[in-house]
């Protein structure tokens, strides 16, 4: 029942309020006011509303105070009547000239014994119970009435007093009009000075708007909002906006670097392929040795390009939040065992050790985790020499899966360790040795491990070797 009533009320308000809003929008929708003018308009609206309330309350208080004076006169008349033992005469009310008139009744018989009211109350509109008001030319414009009972000579009488407050009413309006004129000057002054203050207050916003309007890709690194001299919410807004610009600049520079590095990495195999194609176009098709060499080189470079493109697509999906992992429970031990066997087959000249291969359940994407671990193993093979040792293990540490890949290869410097997970980063020592690679493997491996809430710990010593320890936590169910 209550819901129906609320719904009915809502429908009624929709029929009343929505058409009004539509008309208001049609009339004022095309008017565009600045913030300073809007604030000034709000000032004026508040001043008018509060001014109306003030004058209304002032009028009530003023008339109520004046009424108290008439009530004192009425009380004095009643006291005189109670003390007067004679018959009521024309001198009963000496205060009629002061605006206090009355009608006396016997309370039991309602017989009128005295009446000095000189106007007809039937011509007056009753605004409230005791307020009579007329707009005619009658000298009695505003009249308030009140009743008082008293006993005189053993008889209960009722006196109905009429307070002619026309003079007080006119005096009040004269005072109100004078106050309104003064109030209008005050409102005008407040509006004028307030608009100046608003312009000064909103100067930082205009400065911010000008700065933002100047922002382009070319000056994104140099333009920032000025927060000097601002000590309020605008300063917080400027700081937040500057932080956003810093993030945008970092992201933009990262994208520029990414495109530049990707273009550089793709340029080399494309140049090689074009070189062999040109050689074949000249004389290689008739020379079997050159033909076989060219085909093999083109196949290798095409495979390298495919590998690079797949890595770039992986990173692109991650950046666009479209990379999806199919997670489920599986045992990590067989996967590590398989990779150990594969490494022994392709790297017979390395010493491959697997001291610990323990059963441990992992919740994750099998292929993605295998890809990440393969990155660490391939790097260990790539950066070691014949006779070096590569140690691979899989351990169950209180339910957590710990996978380690350690080698005795060329190792890394402190500077390298700070940057190895950056995209396209390759150490100068690696470039000098002409070791192939794109510098994307470790960044991809890190993204995969982080997607499984895992951790990567790196230890390395230059010329002594490197170890990567990956820890993937077990799923902990809350009761």
Protein backbone atom coordinates (compact mmCIF):
# COMPACT_ATOMS: atom_id res chain seq x y z
CA UNK A 1 0.00 0.00 0.00
CA UNK A 2 2.82 2.37 0.93
CA UNK A 3 4.73 1.58 -2.27
CA UNK A 4 1.64 2.28 -4.37
CA UNK A 5 1.16 5.63 -2.65
CA UNK A 6 4.80 6.55 -3.22
CA UNK A 7 4.58 5.51 -6.86
CA UNK A 8 1.41 7.51 -7.33
CA UNK A 9 3.03 10.57 -5.74
CA UNK A 10 6.07 10.11 -7.98
CA UNK A 11 3.88 9.99 -11.10
CA UNK A 12 2.05 13.15 -10.02
CA UNK A 13 5.35 14.96 -9.46
CA UNK A 14 6.56 13.80 -12.87
CA UNK A 15 3.47 15.28 -14.51
CA UNK A 16 3.95 18.57 -12.64
CA UNK A 17 7.72 18.99 -12.35
CA UNK A 18 8.94 17.59 -15.68
CA UNK A 19 6.84 19.94 -17.89
CA UNK A 20 8.01 22.85 -15.74
CA UNK A 21 11.65 21.81 -16.17
CA UNK A 22 11.18 21.41 -19.92
CA UNK A 23 9.67 24.89 -20.23
CA UNK A 24 12.45 26.32 -18.07
CA UNK A 25 15.07 24.61 -20.23
CA UNK A 26 13.38 25.87 -23.40
CA UNK A 27 13.40 29.45 -22.11
CA UNK A 28 16.75 29.62 -20.34
CA UNK A 29 18.61 26.75 -22.01
CA UNK A 30 20.21 29.00 -24.61
CA UNK A 31 21.49 31.49 -22.06
CA UNK A 32 25.14 30.89 -21.23
CA UNK A 33 26.41 32.56 -18.06
CA UNK A 34 29.96 32.64 -16.81
CA UNK A 35 30.82 31.13 -13.44
CA UNK A 36 31.25 34.60 -11.93
CA UNK A 37 27.76 35.60 -13.08
CA UNK A 38 26.29 32.34 -11.83
CA UNK A 39 27.85 32.86 -8.40
CA UNK A 40 26.58 36.46 -8.37
CA UNK A 41 23.09 35.23 -9.31
CA UNK A 42 23.23 32.74 -6.46
CA UNK A 43 24.27 35.55 -4.11
CA UNK A 44 21.30 37.60 -5.27
CA UNK A 45 18.89 34.69 -4.93
CA UNK A 46 20.06 33.96 -1.39
CA UNK A 47 19.92 37.65 -0.44
CA UNK A 48 16.37 38.01 -1.81
CA UNK A 49 15.10 34.84 -0.10
CA UNK A 50 16.72 35.73 3.20
CA UNK A 51 15.57 39.35 2.83
CA UNK A 52 11.95 38.29 2.36
CA UNK A 53 12.18 36.01 5.39
CA UNK A 54 13.78 38.78 7.43
CA UNK A 55 11.10 41.37 6.59
CA UNK A 56 8.31 38.85 7.20
CA UNK A 57 9.69 37.95 10.63
CA UNK A 58 10.39 41.62 11.35
CA UNK A 59 6.75 42.53 10.55
CA UNK A 60 5.39 39.83 12.84
CA UNK A 61 7.70 40.81 15.71
CA UNK A 62 6.94 44.52 15.27
CA UNK A 63 3.17 44.06 15.30
CA UNK A 64 3.40 41.61 18.19
CA UNK A 65 5.35 44.15 20.28
CA UNK A 66 2.81 46.85 19.45
CA UNK A 67 -0.04 44.50 20.30
CA UNK A 68 1.47 44.03 23.75
CA UNK A 69 0.97 47.73 24.41
CA UNK A 70 -2.74 47.45 23.57
CA UNK A 71 -3.09 44.36 25.73
CA UNK A 72 -1.68 46.31 28.67
CA UNK A 73 -4.39 48.95 28.13
CA UNK A 74 -7.07 46.23 28.00
CA UNK A 75 -5.82 44.74 31.27
CA UNK A 76 -6.01 48.20 32.85
CA UNK A 77 -9.64 48.59 31.63
CA UNK A 78 -10.57 45.18 33.11
CA UNK A 79 -9.04 46.12 36.46
CA UNK A 80 -11.06 49.36 36.51
CA UNK A 81 -14.23 47.46 35.63
CA UNK A 82 -13.70 44.93 38.39
CA UNK A 83 -13.18 47.72 40.94
CA UNK A 84 -16.14 49.81 39.69
CA UNK A 85 -19.33 48.84 41.49
CA UNK A 86 -21.66 51.03 39.42
CA UNK A 87 -23.52 50.55 36.17
CA UNK A 88 -21.50 50.74 32.92
CA UNK A 89 -21.67 54.15 31.35
CA UNK A 90 -20.08 55.96 28.49
CA UNK A 91 -16.99 56.70 30.59
CA UNK A 92 -16.28 52.97 31.05
CA UNK A 93 -13.63 53.03 28.28
CA UNK A 94 -11.48 56.13 28.41
CA UNK A 95 -8.99 54.46 26.02
CA UNK A 96 -11.15 54.39 22.88
CA UNK A 97 -9.25 57.37 21.52
CA UNK A 98 -6.05 55.37 21.93
CA UNK A 99 -7.38 52.64 19.63
CA UNK A 100 -8.84 50.21 22.17
CA UNK A 101 -12.59 49.55 21.72
CA UNK A 102 -14.67 46.88 23.37
CA UNK A 103 -18.02 45.10 23.58
CA UNK A 104 -19.22 43.83 27.00
CA UNK A 105 -21.49 40.78 27.37
CA UNK A 106 -23.01 39.00 30.31
CA UNK A 107 -21.39 35.61 30.12
CA UNK A 108 -24.54 33.64 30.97
CA UNK A 109 -27.16 35.50 28.90
CA UNK A 110 -24.90 36.87 26.13
CA UNK A 111 -26.69 40.22 26.66
CA UNK A 112 -24.73 43.15 25.37
CA UNK A 113 -24.27 45.82 28.06
CA UNK A 114 -21.72 48.09 26.39
CA UNK A 115 -20.43 48.75 22.86
CA UNK A 116 -18.18 51.56 21.69
CA UNK A 117 -17.02 49.94 18.41
CA UNK A 118 -17.49 52.49 15.63
CA UNK A 119 -17.09 50.22 12.60
CA UNK A 120 -18.76 47.11 11.23
CA UNK A 121 -16.52 44.07 11.68
CA UNK A 122 -18.54 42.19 9.06
CA UNK A 123 -16.79 44.19 6.33
CA UNK A 124 -13.38 42.88 7.45
CA UNK A 125 -11.63 39.75 6.23
CA UNK A 126 -10.37 37.45 8.96
CA UNK A 127 -6.84 36.46 8.00
CA UNK A 128 -6.41 34.51 11.21
CA UNK A 129 -8.68 33.98 14.18
CA UNK A 130 -7.98 37.37 15.76
CA UNK A 131 -6.82 39.44 12.77
CA UNK A 132 -9.29 41.57 10.78
CA UNK A 133 -8.08 43.31 7.66
CA UNK A 134 -9.66 45.47 4.96
CA UNK A 135 -8.32 47.22 1.85
CA UNK A 136 -11.12 49.82 1.82
CA UNK A 137 -10.69 53.48 2.68
CA UNK A 138 -11.96 52.77 6.18
CA UNK A 139 -9.78 54.40 8.82
CA UNK A 140 -9.71 51.11 10.67
CA UNK A 141 -7.54 49.02 8.34
CA UNK A 142 -5.95 46.45 10.66
CA UNK A 143 -7.84 45.31 13.76
CA UNK A 144 -6.89 42.62 16.25
CA UNK A 145 -9.41 41.31 18.76
CA UNK A 146 -9.08 39.53 22.09
CA UNK A 147 -11.47 38.37 24.85
CA UNK A 148 -11.07 38.70 28.62
CA UNK A 149 -13.51 37.49 31.31
CA UNK A 150 -13.97 39.23 34.66
CA UNK A 151 -16.38 39.31 37.60
CA UNK A 152 -18.10 42.51 38.70
CA UNK A 153 -20.75 42.61 41.44
CA UNK A 154 -21.05 38.80 41.43
CA UNK A 155 -21.79 38.69 37.68
CA UNK A 156 -19.45 37.12 35.11
CA UNK A 157 -18.79 39.37 32.15
CA UNK A 158 -16.93 38.83 28.90
CA UNK A 159 -15.13 41.76 27.33
CA UNK A 160 -14.17 41.59 23.67
CA UNK A 161 -11.49 44.14 22.90
CA UNK A 162 -10.67 45.47 19.43
CA UNK A 163 -7.20 46.95 18.90
CA UNK A 164 -7.08 49.43 16.05
CA UNK A 165 -3.50 48.95 14.83
CA UNK A 166 -3.86 50.86 11.56
CA UNK A 167 -1.38 53.54 12.58
CA UNK A 168 1.09 50.90 13.71
CA UNK A 169 0.53 49.01 10.47
CA UNK A 170 1.18 52.09 8.35
CA UNK A 171 4.19 53.01 10.46
CA UNK A 172 5.54 49.47 10.03
CA UNK A 173 5.19 49.63 6.23
CA UNK A 174 6.86 53.02 6.12
CA UNK A 175 9.75 51.57 8.08
CA UNK A 176 9.81 48.45 5.89
CA UNK A 177 9.96 50.49 2.67
CA UNK A 178 12.83 52.56 4.00
CA UNK A 179 14.61 49.39 5.06
CA UNK A 180 13.94 47.85 1.61
CA UNK A 181 15.59 50.79 -0.11
CA UNK A 182 18.58 50.46 2.19
CA UNK A 183 18.61 46.68 1.67
CA UNK A 184 18.55 47.16 -2.13
CA UNK A 185 21.68 49.33 -1.87
CA UNK A 186 23.32 46.66 0.31
CA UNK A 187 22.42 43.91 -2.18
CA UNK A 188 23.78 46.01 -5.07
CA UNK A 189 27.01 46.65 -3.18
CA UNK A 190 27.40 42.97 -2.26
CA UNK A 191 26.74 41.90 -5.86
CA UNK A 192 29.22 44.42 -7.25
CA UNK A 193 32.01 43.68 -4.78
CA UNK A 194 31.23 39.96 -4.79
CA UNK A 195 31.63 39.80 -8.56
CA UNK A 196 35.07 41.41 -8.28
CA UNK A 197 36.03 38.90 -5.61
CA UNK A 198 34.71 36.06 -7.79
CA UNK A 199 36.84 37.18 -10.72
CA UNK A 200 39.89 37.28 -8.45
CA UNK A 201 38.98 33.94 -6.91
CA UNK A 202 38.56 32.29 -10.31
CA UNK A 203 41.76 33.69 -11.82
CA UNK A 204 43.57 30.36 -11.14
CA UNK A 205 40.87 28.55 -13.15
CA UNK A 206 41.37 30.92 -16.08
CA UNK A 207 45.12 30.34 -15.83
CA UNK A 208 44.54 26.57 -15.73
CA UNK A 209 42.24 26.81 -18.76
CA UNK A 210 44.85 28.75 -20.72
CA UNK A 211 47.56 26.23 -19.80
CA UNK A 212 45.39 23.24 -20.75
CA UNK A 213 44.47 24.95 -24.04
CA UNK A 214 48.18 25.19 -24.87
CA UNK A 215 48.84 21.50 -24.19
CA UNK A 216 49.88 19.44 -27.18
CA UNK A 217 51.90 16.30 -27.74
CA UNK A 218 54.97 18.43 -28.40
CA UNK A 219 54.92 20.36 -25.09
CA UNK A 220 53.43 17.68 -22.85
CA UNK A 221 56.74 17.43 -20.98
CA UNK A 222 57.04 21.16 -20.23
CA UNK A 223 53.53 22.54 -19.61
CA UNK A 224 52.15 22.16 -16.09
CA UNK A 225 49.48 23.99 -14.10
CA UNK A 226 50.82 26.69 -11.81
CA UNK A 227 50.00 25.99 -8.15
CA UNK A 228 51.86 28.99 -6.72
CA UNK A 229 49.63 31.30 -4.69
CA UNK A 230 46.75 28.82 -4.61
CA UNK A 231 45.84 27.56 -1.15
CA UNK A 232 42.43 25.95 -1.50
CA UNK A 233 40.68 23.17 -3.42
CA UNK A 234 41.99 24.64 -6.69
CA UNK A 235 45.52 23.79 -5.60
CA UNK A 236 44.46 20.20 -4.98
CA UNK A 237 42.84 20.15 -8.44
CA UNK A 238 46.00 21.55 -10.05
CA UNK A 239 48.20 18.98 -8.28
CA UNK A 240 45.91 16.12 -9.34
CA UNK A 241 45.89 17.41 -12.92
CA UNK A 242 49.68 17.75 -12.97
CA UNK A 243 50.02 14.20 -11.68
CA UNK A 244 47.70 13.06 -14.47
CA UNK A 245 49.86 14.90 -17.01
CA UNK A 246 52.95 13.19 -15.57
CA UNK A 247 51.30 9.81 -16.04
CA UNK A 248 50.21 10.71 -19.57
CA UNK A 249 53.72 11.87 -20.42
CA UNK A 250 55.23 8.67 -19.01
CA UNK A 251 52.72 6.56 -20.93
CA UNK A 252 53.25 8.52 -24.14
CA UNK A 253 57.04 8.32 -23.89
CA UNK A 254 56.75 4.61 -23.15
CA UNK A 255 54.60 4.10 -26.25
CA UNK A 256 57.01 6.15 -28.36
CA UNK A 257 59.94 4.13 -27.08
CA UNK A 258 58.01 0.90 -27.63
CA UNK A 259 57.23 1.77 -31.26
CA UNK A 260 60.79 2.94 -31.85
CA UNK A 261 62.33 -0.21 -30.37
CA UNK A 262 59.90 -2.49 -32.20
CA UNK A 263 60.64 -0.73 -35.48
CA UNK A 264 64.38 -1.09 -34.85
CA UNK A 265 64.09 -4.79 -34.03
CA UNK A 266 61.99 -5.46 -37.15
CA UNK A 267 64.24 -3.41 -39.42
CA UNK A 268 67.22 -5.76 -39.08
CA UNK A 269 65.52 -9.02 -40.21
CA UNK A 270 63.67 -7.16 -42.96
CA UNK A 271 66.98 -5.76 -44.23
CA UNK A 272 68.53 -9.24 -44.17
CA UNK A 273 65.59 -10.74 -46.06
CA UNK A 274 65.69 -7.93 -48.64
CA UNK A 275 69.44 -8.45 -49.07
CA UNK A 276 69.08 -12.15 -49.81
CA UNK A 277 66.13 -11.53 -52.12
CA UNK A 278 68.17 -9.01 -54.09
CA UNK A 279 71.05 -11.50 -54.26
CA UNK A 280 68.70 -14.21 -55.53
CA UNK A 281 67.22 -11.81 -58.02
CA UNK A 282 70.66 -11.12 -59.48
CA UNK A 283 72.33 -14.54 -59.73
CA UNK A 284 71.30 -16.81 -56.87
CA UNK A 285 68.57 -18.74 -58.68
CA UNK A 286 71.19 -20.47 -60.86
CA UNK A 287 73.69 -21.10 -58.05
CA UNK A 288 72.48 -23.98 -55.86
CA UNK A 289 74.76 -23.07 -52.95
CA UNK A 290 73.60 -19.43 -52.86
CA UNK A 291 69.99 -20.55 -53.26
CA UNK A 292 70.15 -22.89 -50.26
CA UNK A 293 71.98 -20.29 -48.14
CA UNK A 294 69.41 -17.63 -48.99
CA UNK A 295 66.43 -19.88 -48.27
CA UNK A 296 67.89 -20.90 -44.91
CA UNK A 297 68.65 -17.28 -43.94
CA UNK A 298 65.20 -16.08 -44.99
CA UNK A 299 63.58 -18.91 -43.00
CA UNK A 300 65.60 -18.00 -39.89
CA UNK A 301 64.87 -14.29 -40.17
CA UNK A 302 61.17 -14.95 -40.83
CA UNK A 303 61.05 -17.14 -37.73
CA UNK A 304 62.77 -14.43 -35.71
CA UNK A 305 60.25 -11.88 -37.00
CA UNK A 306 57.38 -14.19 -36.14
CA UNK A 307 58.75 -14.64 -32.62
CA UNK A 308 59.11 -10.87 -32.21
CA UNK A 309 55.61 -10.17 -33.54
CA UNK A 310 54.09 -12.75 -31.18
CA UNK A 311 55.86 -11.11 -28.24
CA UNK A 312 54.67 -7.68 -29.35
CA UNK A 313 51.10 -8.97 -29.64
CA UNK A 314 51.34 -10.44 -26.15
CA UNK A 315 52.48 -7.11 -24.72
CA UNK A 316 49.83 -5.25 -26.72
CA UNK A 317 47.04 -7.49 -25.36
CA UNK A 318 48.35 -6.94 -21.84
CA UNK A 319 48.44 -3.16 -22.29
CA UNK A 320 44.89 -3.12 -23.68
CA UNK A 321 43.66 -5.38 -20.83
CA UNK A 322 42.54 -8.02 -23.36
CA UNK A 323 45.01 -10.72 -22.32
CA UNK A 324 43.04 -13.70 -21.00
CA UNK A 325 44.52 -16.51 -18.94
CA UNK A 326 42.76 -19.85 -18.63
CA UNK A 327 43.49 -20.82 -15.05
CA UNK A 328 42.94 -24.23 -13.48
CA UNK A 329 44.60 -26.54 -10.96
CA UNK A 330 47.54 -28.63 -12.21
CA UNK A 331 50.76 -30.23 -10.98
CA UNK A 332 53.84 -28.18 -11.85
CA UNK A 333 56.34 -31.04 -11.48
CA UNK A 334 55.68 -32.77 -14.86
CA UNK A 335 56.04 -29.45 -16.72
CA UNK A 336 59.40 -28.67 -15.13
CA UNK A 337 60.56 -32.26 -15.77
CA UNK A 338 59.62 -31.90 -19.44
CA UNK A 339 61.53 -28.62 -19.78
CA UNK A 340 64.59 -30.15 -18.07
CA UNK A 341 64.60 -32.98 -20.64
CA UNK A 342 64.17 -30.55 -23.54
CA UNK A 343 67.04 -28.39 -22.25
CA UNK A 344 69.36 -31.43 -21.97
CA UNK A 345 68.56 -32.36 -25.59
CA UNK A 346 69.18 -28.93 -27.12
CA UNK A 347 72.08 -27.97 -24.81
CA UNK A 348 74.20 -31.08 -24.60
CA UNK A 349 77.33 -29.03 -23.99
CA UNK A 350 75.85 -27.54 -20.76
CA UNK A 351 75.69 -29.34 -17.43
CA UNK A 352 71.95 -29.50 -16.62
CA UNK A 353 71.08 -30.35 -13.01
CA UNK A 354 67.67 -30.85 -11.41
CA UNK A 355 68.31 -31.43 -7.69
CA UNK A 356 64.67 -30.99 -6.59
CA UNK A 357 61.55 -31.93 -8.56
CA UNK A 358 58.67 -32.02 -6.07
CA UNK A 359 54.94 -32.36 -6.62
CA UNK A 360 53.15 -29.04 -6.06
CA UNK A 361 49.67 -27.96 -7.18
CA UNK A 362 49.36 -24.58 -8.86
CA UNK A 363 46.27 -22.64 -9.89
CA UNK A 364 47.07 -20.87 -13.13
CA UNK A 365 47.44 -20.96 -16.90
CA UNK A 366 49.61 -23.96 -17.77
CA UNK A 367 50.90 -22.66 -21.12
CA UNK A 368 51.55 -19.13 -19.86
CA UNK A 369 53.57 -20.34 -16.87
CA UNK A 370 55.48 -22.75 -19.08
CA UNK A 371 56.27 -19.82 -21.42
CA UNK A 372 57.55 -17.73 -18.50
CA UNK A 373 59.79 -20.51 -17.13
CA UNK A 374 61.05 -21.19 -20.65
CA UNK A 375 62.24 -17.56 -20.81
CA UNK A 376 64.42 -18.04 -17.72
CA UNK A 377 65.82 -21.34 -19.01
CA UNK A 378 66.52 -19.93 -22.51
CA UNK A 379 68.33 -16.97 -20.96
CA UNK A 380 70.40 -19.34 -18.82
CA UNK A 381 71.42 -21.29 -21.95
CA UNK A 382 72.02 -18.10 -23.95
CA UNK A 383 74.26 -16.41 -21.37
CA UNK A 384 76.37 -19.45 -20.45
CA UNK A 385 79.23 -21.14 -22.26
CA UNK A 386 80.19 -24.75 -22.87
CA UNK A 387 80.79 -26.54 -19.59
CA UNK A 388 78.77 -24.08 -17.47
CA UNK A 389 76.16 -25.45 -15.11
CA UNK A 390 72.40 -24.75 -15.24
CA UNK A 391 70.42 -25.82 -12.21
CA UNK A 392 66.61 -26.12 -12.49
CA UNK A 393 64.38 -27.12 -9.59
CA UNK A 394 60.75 -27.17 -8.51
CA UNK A 395 59.94 -27.22 -4.78
CA UNK A 396 56.87 -27.35 -2.58
CA UNK A 397 57.35 -24.79 0.22
CA UNK A 398 54.35 -25.13 2.56
CA UNK A 399 52.01 -25.30 -0.44
CA UNK A 400 53.72 -22.51 -2.41
CA UNK A 401 55.39 -23.41 -5.70
CA UNK A 402 59.03 -22.31 -5.92
CA UNK A 403 60.79 -22.66 -9.28
CA UNK A 404 64.46 -21.79 -9.59
CA UNK A 405 66.74 -21.39 -12.61
CA UNK A 406 70.40 -20.84 -11.70
CA UNK A 407 73.45 -20.68 -13.95
CA UNK A 408 77.19 -20.04 -13.79
CA UNK A 409 77.24 -17.77 -16.83
CA UNK A 410 78.33 -14.20 -17.46
CA UNK A 411 76.10 -12.71 -14.76
CA UNK A 412 74.90 -9.11 -14.54
CA UNK A 413 76.01 -5.79 -13.10
CA UNK A 414 73.95 -3.79 -10.58
CA UNK A 415 72.91 -1.44 -13.37
CA UNK A 416 71.66 -4.34 -15.49
CA UNK A 417 69.64 -5.83 -12.63
CA UNK A 418 67.71 -2.56 -12.26
CA UNK A 419 66.59 -2.64 -15.91
CA UNK A 420 66.35 -6.27 -17.01
CA UNK A 421 62.54 -6.31 -16.88
CA UNK A 422 62.22 -3.17 -19.05
CA UNK A 423 61.02 -3.79 -22.58
CA UNK A 424 63.74 -4.03 -25.22
CA UNK A 425 66.48 -3.61 -22.63
CA UNK A 426 69.73 -5.39 -23.44
CA UNK A 427 72.99 -5.03 -21.56
CA UNK A 428 76.01 -3.54 -23.27
CA UNK A 429 77.98 -6.67 -22.35
CA UNK A 430 75.41 -8.77 -24.20
CA UNK A 431 75.52 -6.56 -27.29
CA UNK A 432 79.33 -6.75 -27.35
CA UNK A 433 79.17 -10.55 -27.35
CA UNK A 434 76.62 -10.40 -30.23
CA UNK A 435 74.16 -12.61 -28.41
CA UNK A 436 70.84 -12.67 -30.25
CA UNK A 437 67.62 -11.48 -28.62
CA UNK A 438 65.01 -8.74 -28.56
CA UNK A 439 64.99 -7.83 -24.87
CA UNK A 440 61.30 -8.74 -24.43
CA UNK A 441 61.46 -12.17 -22.81
CA UNK A 442 61.93 -11.11 -19.19
CA UNK A 443 59.29 -8.37 -19.41
CA UNK A 444 56.77 -10.94 -20.71
CA UNK A 445 57.79 -13.45 -18.02
CA UNK A 446 57.29 -10.84 -15.32
CA UNK A 447 53.79 -9.97 -16.61
CA UNK A 448 52.82 -13.66 -16.53
CA UNK A 449 54.16 -14.20 -13.01
CA UNK A 450 52.49 -11.01 -11.72
CA UNK A 451 49.19 -12.17 -13.28
CA UNK A 452 49.45 -15.22 -11.01
CA UNK A 453 50.19 -13.00 -7.95
CA UNK A 454 53.69 -14.44 -7.95
CA UNK A 455 57.08 -13.00 -7.03
CA UNK A 456 60.44 -13.00 -8.82
CA UNK A 457 63.70 -12.83 -6.91
CA UNK A 458 66.90 -12.15 -8.85
CA UNK A 459 70.43 -12.75 -7.66
CA UNK A 460 73.45 -12.14 -9.88
CA UNK A 461 77.19 -11.53 -9.78
CA UNK A 462 79.06 -10.32 -12.78
CA UNK A 463 81.09 -13.14 -14.42
CA UNK A 464 79.87 -15.56 -11.70
CA UNK A 465 76.29 -16.33 -12.73
CA UNK A 466 72.63 -15.50 -12.19
CA UNK A 467 69.66 -17.09 -10.42
CA UNK A 468 65.93 -16.43 -10.91
CA UNK A 469 63.61 -17.73 -8.18
CA UNK A 470 59.88 -17.63 -8.95
CA UNK A 471 57.35 -18.18 -6.16
CA UNK A 472 53.66 -18.76 -6.97
CA UNK A 473 51.48 -18.80 -3.86
CA UNK A 474 48.94 -21.52 -3.28
CA UNK A 475 45.25 -20.67 -3.17
CA UNK A 476 44.11 -19.90 0.37
CA UNK A 477 40.38 -20.33 0.92
CA UNK A 478 38.68 -18.30 3.64
CA UNK A 479 36.11 -20.09 5.75
